[in-house]
Amino acid sequence: MTEQHNKMTEELCAHPPAKYDDLKVLFLNCTLNRTPVLSHTEGLINVAQKVYESVGVQSKIIRPVDYEIPAGLGLDMSKTPEWDRDDWPQIQAEIDVHDIVIICTSVWLGEKSPFATALWSACTDIPISLTKKASIAIMVKSVQRSSQEMKME
């Protein structure tokens, strides 16, 4: 990172504009490296985490590569004959208790990591009733996008 960016980050962390100690952020680090192997993506996450924590936001980092997330449309694929294990319900439980979820991924040749793709697939297969907060955020983004497109026409 540049020296200028480091100074700005340090200044914001030292003198935050407000406190948000009622919020929790979850970083989903879609690196290809299992814990405890070094993750460059996590290095960037640590910068953002420092900023969030400086204003009182609680944070947590999860690496989906450390979990078994099978493909499929079920909420718990371990209950199907195809899979013995499904850790997605554990990750979903973490998503449900956090106010902000940030999916972080490395990019190789212009593509996100396969773990980011699997994670996004699992997220979009969840019934709306189970992820009310997330679905509302997605709906708001979709409505905003649609209204912007209408203005452009």
Protein backbone atom coordinates (compact mmCIF):
# COMPACT_ATOMS: atom_id res chain seq x y z
CA MET A 1 0.00 0.00 0.00
CA THR A 2 1.08 3.52 -0.56
CA GLU A 3 2.36 5.68 2.24
CA GLN A 4 -0.47 8.17 1.60
CA HIS A 5 -3.10 5.43 1.99
CA ASN A 6 -1.46 4.18 5.18
CA LYS A 7 -1.50 7.69 6.68
CA MET A 8 -5.18 8.18 5.78
CA THR A 9 -6.10 4.80 7.31
CA GLU A 10 -4.13 5.51 10.48
CA GLU A 11 -5.75 8.95 10.82
CA LEU A 12 -9.28 7.57 10.37
CA CYS A 13 -8.61 4.79 12.86
CA ALA A 14 -7.12 7.19 15.41
CA HIS A 15 -9.99 9.70 15.10
CA PRO A 16 -13.14 7.89 13.92
CA PRO A 17 -16.09 10.08 12.91
CA ALA A 18 -18.59 7.95 14.87
CA LYS A 19 -19.02 4.71 16.82
CA TYR A 20 -20.86 1.68 15.47
CA ASP A 21 -20.43 -0.78 18.32
CA ASP A 22 -23.87 -2.28 17.66
CA LEU A 23 -22.73 -3.69 14.28
CA LYS A 24 -20.92 -6.89 13.32
CA VAL A 25 -19.04 -7.52 10.05
CA LEU A 26 -18.18 -10.92 8.61
CA PHE A 27 -15.36 -11.23 6.08
CA LEU A 28 -15.57 -14.38 3.96
CA ASN A 29 -12.01 -14.85 2.74
CA CYS A 30 -12.31 -16.92 -0.46
CA THR A 31 -8.58 -17.57 -0.70
CA LEU A 32 -7.33 -20.87 -2.09
CA ASN A 33 -5.10 -21.34 0.98
CA ARG A 34 -6.29 -23.28 4.00
CA THR A 35 -5.63 -21.91 7.48
CA PRO A 36 -2.87 -21.24 8.64
CA VAL A 37 -1.17 -20.74 5.24
CA LEU A 38 -0.50 -17.09 4.37
CA SER A 39 -3.33 -15.44 2.44
CA HIS A 40 -2.65 -12.22 0.58
CA THR A 41 -6.41 -11.65 0.46
CA GLU A 42 -6.42 -11.73 4.26
CA GLY A 43 -3.69 -9.09 4.29
CA LEU A 44 -6.11 -6.73 2.56
CA ILE A 45 -8.96 -7.86 4.81
CA ASN A 46 -6.85 -6.95 7.84
CA VAL A 47 -6.67 -3.33 6.62
CA ALA A 48 -10.47 -3.12 6.31
CA GLN A 49 -10.91 -4.98 9.59
CA LYS A 50 -8.75 -2.41 11.37
CA VAL A 51 -10.91 0.42 10.05
CA TYR A 52 -14.16 -1.31 11.07
CA GLU A 53 -12.83 -2.14 14.54
CA SER A 54 -11.63 1.44 15.05
CA VAL A 55 -15.27 2.57 15.01
CA GLY A 56 -16.42 -0.22 17.30
CA VAL A 57 -17.66 -2.76 14.74
CA GLN A 58 -17.05 -6.35 15.83
CA SER A 59 -15.46 -8.46 13.10
CA LYS A 60 -14.81 -12.06 12.18
CA ILE A 61 -12.96 -13.72 9.29
CA ILE A 62 -13.95 -17.11 7.87
CA ARG A 63 -12.12 -18.99 5.12
CA PRO A 64 -14.65 -21.13 3.20
CA VAL A 65 -11.74 -23.28 1.94
CA ASP A 66 -11.53 -24.68 5.49
CA TYR A 67 -15.11 -26.01 5.20
CA GLU A 68 -16.89 -28.64 3.14
CA ILE A 69 -19.46 -26.79 0.98
CA PRO A 70 -20.98 -29.21 -1.51
CA ALA A 71 -22.82 -28.16 -4.65
CA GLY A 72 -26.57 -28.53 -4.57
CA LEU A 73 -29.84 -26.79 -3.83
CA GLY A 74 -30.49 -28.16 -0.34
CA LEU A 75 -29.99 -26.20 2.84
CA ASP A 76 -28.04 -29.12 4.30
CA MET A 77 -26.67 -31.43 1.62
CA SER A 78 -25.49 -33.93 4.25
CA LYS A 79 -29.12 -35.04 4.45
CA THR A 80 -28.99 -36.19 0.83
CA PRO A 81 -27.49 -39.47 -0.39
CA GLU A 82 -24.80 -37.64 -2.39
CA TRP A 83 -22.95 -35.96 0.49
CA ASP A 84 -21.77 -37.15 3.90
CA ARG A 85 -20.87 -33.70 5.15
CA ASP A 86 -22.08 -30.13 4.61
CA ASP A 87 -20.61 -27.26 6.59
CA TRP A 88 -22.75 -24.63 4.88
CA PRO A 89 -25.27 -24.46 7.78
CA GLN A 90 -22.39 -23.32 10.07
CA ILE A 91 -21.42 -20.54 7.67
CA GLN A 92 -25.08 -19.59 7.16
CA ALA A 93 -25.48 -19.26 10.93
CA GLU A 94 -22.55 -16.83 10.99
CA ILE A 95 -24.00 -14.83 8.09
CA ASP A 96 -27.33 -14.59 9.90
CA VAL A 97 -25.84 -13.02 13.04
CA HIS A 98 -23.74 -10.41 11.20
CA ASP A 99 -25.03 -7.09 9.89
CA ILE A 100 -22.43 -6.73 7.14
CA VAL A 101 -21.06 -9.60 5.04
CA ILE A 102 -18.13 -8.96 2.73
CA ILE A 103 -17.09 -11.64 0.25
CA CYS A 104 -13.36 -11.24 -0.44
CA THR A 105 -11.57 -13.09 -3.22
CA SER A 106 -8.34 -13.23 -5.06
CA VAL A 107 -8.50 -12.73 -8.82
CA TRP A 108 -6.50 -14.89 -11.19
CA LEU A 109 -6.58 -14.14 -14.92
CA GLY A 110 -9.65 -12.00 -14.37
CA GLU A 111 -11.66 -14.67 -12.52
CA LYS A 112 -12.68 -14.90 -8.86
CA SER A 113 -11.62 -17.94 -6.87
CA PRO A 114 -13.71 -21.13 -7.14
CA PHE A 115 -14.51 -20.79 -3.44
CA ALA A 116 -16.09 -17.37 -4.07
CA THR A 117 -18.19 -18.92 -6.84
CA ALA A 118 -19.27 -21.81 -4.60
CA LEU A 119 -20.03 -19.42 -1.76
CA TRP A 120 -22.12 -17.14 -3.96
CA SER A 121 -23.98 -20.17 -5.32
CA ALA A 122 -24.76 -21.34 -1.78
CA CYS A 123 -25.91 -17.84 -0.79
CA THR A 124 -28.29 -17.49 -3.73
CA ASP A 125 -29.86 -20.92 -3.13
CA ILE A 126 -31.13 -19.95 0.33
CA PRO A 127 -34.88 -19.33 0.59
CA ILE A 128 -35.73 -15.67 1.10
CA SER A 129 -37.52 -16.39 4.39
CA LEU A 130 -34.25 -17.56 5.94
CA THR A 131 -32.20 -14.54 4.89
CA LYS A 132 -34.60 -11.66 5.29
CA LYS A 133 -31.91 -9.02 5.94
CA ALA A 134 -29.76 -10.15 3.01
CA SER A 135 -32.70 -10.49 0.62
CA ILE A 136 -33.89 -6.99 1.50
CA ALA A 137 -30.41 -5.63 0.77
CA ILE A 138 -30.32 -7.50 -2.55
CA MET A 139 -33.82 -6.26 -3.41
CA VAL A 140 -32.85 -2.65 -2.63
CA LYS A 141 -29.77 -2.95 -4.85
CA SER A 142 -31.88 -4.47 -7.64
CA VAL A 143 -34.49 -1.72 -7.39
CA GLN A 144 -31.78 0.95 -7.38
CA ARG A 145 -30.14 -0.64 -10.41
CA SER A 146 -33.48 -0.92 -12.24
CA SER A 147 -34.39 2.71 -11.54
CA GLN A 148 -30.98 3.87 -12.74
CA GLU A 149 -31.38 1.84 -15.94
CA MET A 150 -34.82 3.39 -16.51
CA LYS A 151 -33.38 6.89 -16.13
CA MET A 152 -30.69 6.09 -18.68
CA GLU A 153 -33.21 5.04 -21.37
